[in-house]
N, C-alpha and C. Protein backbone atom coordinates (compact mmCIF):
# COMPACT_ATOMS: atom_id res chain seq x y z
N UNK A 1 47.32 73.48 -10.32
CA UNK A 1 46.69 72.68 -9.26
C UNK A 1 47.06 71.19 -9.41
N UNK A 2 46.97 70.70 -10.65
CA UNK A 2 47.30 69.29 -10.89
C UNK A 2 48.78 69.01 -10.61
N UNK A 3 49.63 69.96 -10.96
CA UNK A 3 51.07 69.79 -10.73
C UNK A 3 51.38 69.63 -9.24
N UNK A 4 50.69 70.43 -8.42
CA UNK A 4 50.92 70.36 -6.97
C UNK A 4 50.57 68.97 -6.43
N UNK A 5 49.45 68.42 -6.88
CA UNK A 5 49.03 67.09 -6.44
C UNK A 5 50.06 66.05 -6.88
N UNK A 6 50.54 66.18 -8.12
CA UNK A 6 51.54 65.25 -8.65
C UNK A 6 52.82 65.31 -7.81
N UNK A 7 53.25 66.52 -7.48
CA UNK A 7 54.46 66.69 -6.67
C UNK A 7 54.29 66.08 -5.29
N UNK A 8 53.11 66.26 -4.70
CA UNK A 8 52.85 65.70 -3.37
C UNK A 8 52.90 64.18 -3.39
N UNK A 9 52.31 63.56 -4.43
CA UNK A 9 52.31 62.10 -4.52
C UNK A 9 53.73 61.58 -4.74
N UNK A 10 54.53 62.30 -5.52
CA UNK A 10 55.93 61.92 -5.75
C UNK A 10 56.69 61.98 -4.43
N UNK A 11 56.49 63.06 -3.68
CA UNK A 11 57.18 63.23 -2.40
C UNK A 11 56.79 62.12 -1.43
N UNK A 12 55.50 61.79 -1.39
CA UNK A 12 55.01 60.75 -0.48
C UNK A 12 55.66 59.41 -0.83
N UNK A 13 55.72 59.09 -2.10
CA UNK A 13 56.31 57.84 -2.56
C UNK A 13 57.78 57.77 -2.16
N UNK A 14 58.49 58.87 -2.37
CA UNK A 14 59.91 58.92 -2.04
C UNK A 14 60.11 58.71 -0.54
N UNK A 15 59.27 59.33 0.27
CA UNK A 15 59.39 59.19 1.72
C UNK A 15 59.17 57.73 2.13
N UNK A 16 58.15 57.09 1.56
CA UNK A 16 57.87 55.68 1.87
C UNK A 16 59.03 54.80 1.44
N UNK A 17 59.59 55.10 0.26
CA UNK A 17 60.73 54.33 -0.24
C UNK A 17 61.93 54.50 0.68
N UNK A 18 62.16 55.71 1.15
CA UNK A 18 63.28 55.97 2.05
C UNK A 18 63.13 55.16 3.33
N UNK A 19 61.91 55.07 3.85
CA UNK A 19 61.66 54.30 5.07
C UNK A 19 61.95 52.82 4.81
N UNK A 20 61.49 52.33 3.64
CA UNK A 20 61.73 50.92 3.29
C UNK A 20 63.22 50.65 3.14
N UNK A 21 63.94 51.55 2.47
CA UNK A 21 65.39 51.41 2.28
C UNK A 21 66.08 51.41 3.64
N UNK A 22 65.62 52.29 4.52
CA UNK A 22 66.18 52.38 5.88
C UNK A 22 66.03 51.04 6.61
N UNK A 23 64.83 50.45 6.50
CA UNK A 23 64.57 49.18 7.16
C UNK A 23 65.46 48.08 6.58
N UNK A 24 65.62 48.08 5.24
CA UNK A 24 66.46 47.09 4.58
C UNK A 24 67.91 47.23 5.04
N UNK A 25 68.39 48.46 5.13
CA UNK A 25 69.77 48.71 5.56
C UNK A 25 69.97 48.20 6.98
N UNK A 26 68.99 48.41 7.84
CA UNK A 26 69.08 47.93 9.22
C UNK A 26 69.19 46.41 9.25
N UNK A 27 68.36 45.75 8.43
CA UNK A 27 68.37 44.28 8.37
C UNK A 27 69.70 43.79 7.83
N UNK A 28 70.18 44.41 6.75
CA UNK A 28 71.45 44.01 6.15
C UNK A 28 72.60 44.22 7.13
N UNK A 29 72.60 45.36 7.82
CA UNK A 29 73.65 45.67 8.78
C UNK A 29 73.66 44.64 9.91
N UNK A 30 72.48 44.32 10.42
CA UNK A 30 72.37 43.35 11.51
C UNK A 30 72.84 41.98 11.04
N UNK A 31 72.45 41.58 9.83
CA UNK A 31 72.86 40.29 9.28
C UNK A 31 74.38 40.24 9.15
N UNK A 32 74.97 41.31 8.63
CA UNK A 32 76.41 41.39 8.46
C UNK A 32 77.10 41.31 9.82
N UNK A 33 76.55 42.00 10.79
CA UNK A 33 77.10 42.01 12.15
C UNK A 33 77.06 40.61 12.75
N UNK A 34 75.95 39.89 12.53
CA UNK A 34 75.82 38.53 13.04
C UNK A 34 76.83 37.59 12.38
N UNK A 35 77.13 37.84 11.10
CA UNK A 35 78.11 37.01 10.40
C UNK A 35 79.52 37.29 10.92
N UNK A 36 79.83 38.56 11.12
CA UNK A 36 81.14 38.97 11.61
C UNK A 36 81.35 38.55 13.07
N UNK A 37 80.34 38.84 13.88
CA UNK A 37 80.41 38.52 15.31
C UNK A 37 79.16 37.73 15.70
N UNK A 38 79.22 36.41 15.61
CA UNK A 38 78.04 35.60 15.99
C UNK A 38 77.60 35.92 17.42
N UNK A 39 76.31 35.83 17.71
CA UNK A 39 75.77 36.16 19.05
C UNK A 39 76.52 35.49 20.19
N UNK A 40 76.95 34.24 20.02
CA UNK A 40 77.67 33.53 21.09
C UNK A 40 78.97 34.23 21.45
N UNK A 41 79.69 34.71 20.46
CA UNK A 41 80.96 35.39 20.70
C UNK A 41 80.74 36.71 21.45
N UNK A 42 79.60 37.35 21.16
CA UNK A 42 79.32 38.63 21.82
C UNK A 42 79.06 38.44 23.31
N UNK A 43 78.40 37.34 23.66
CA UNK A 43 78.09 37.07 25.06
C UNK A 43 79.37 36.77 25.84
N UNK A 44 80.27 35.98 25.23
CA UNK A 44 81.50 35.57 25.92
C UNK A 44 82.54 36.63 25.99
């Protein structure tokens, strides 16, 4: 019974971490994109 609870908490933590990593990757990708192609260049 205790093992199951431990596994569930581990899984929950991993899922939350994955979401955080996903958000960080999105931010990093957008930042990189802005450096490569500044917003002004995209409009023109």
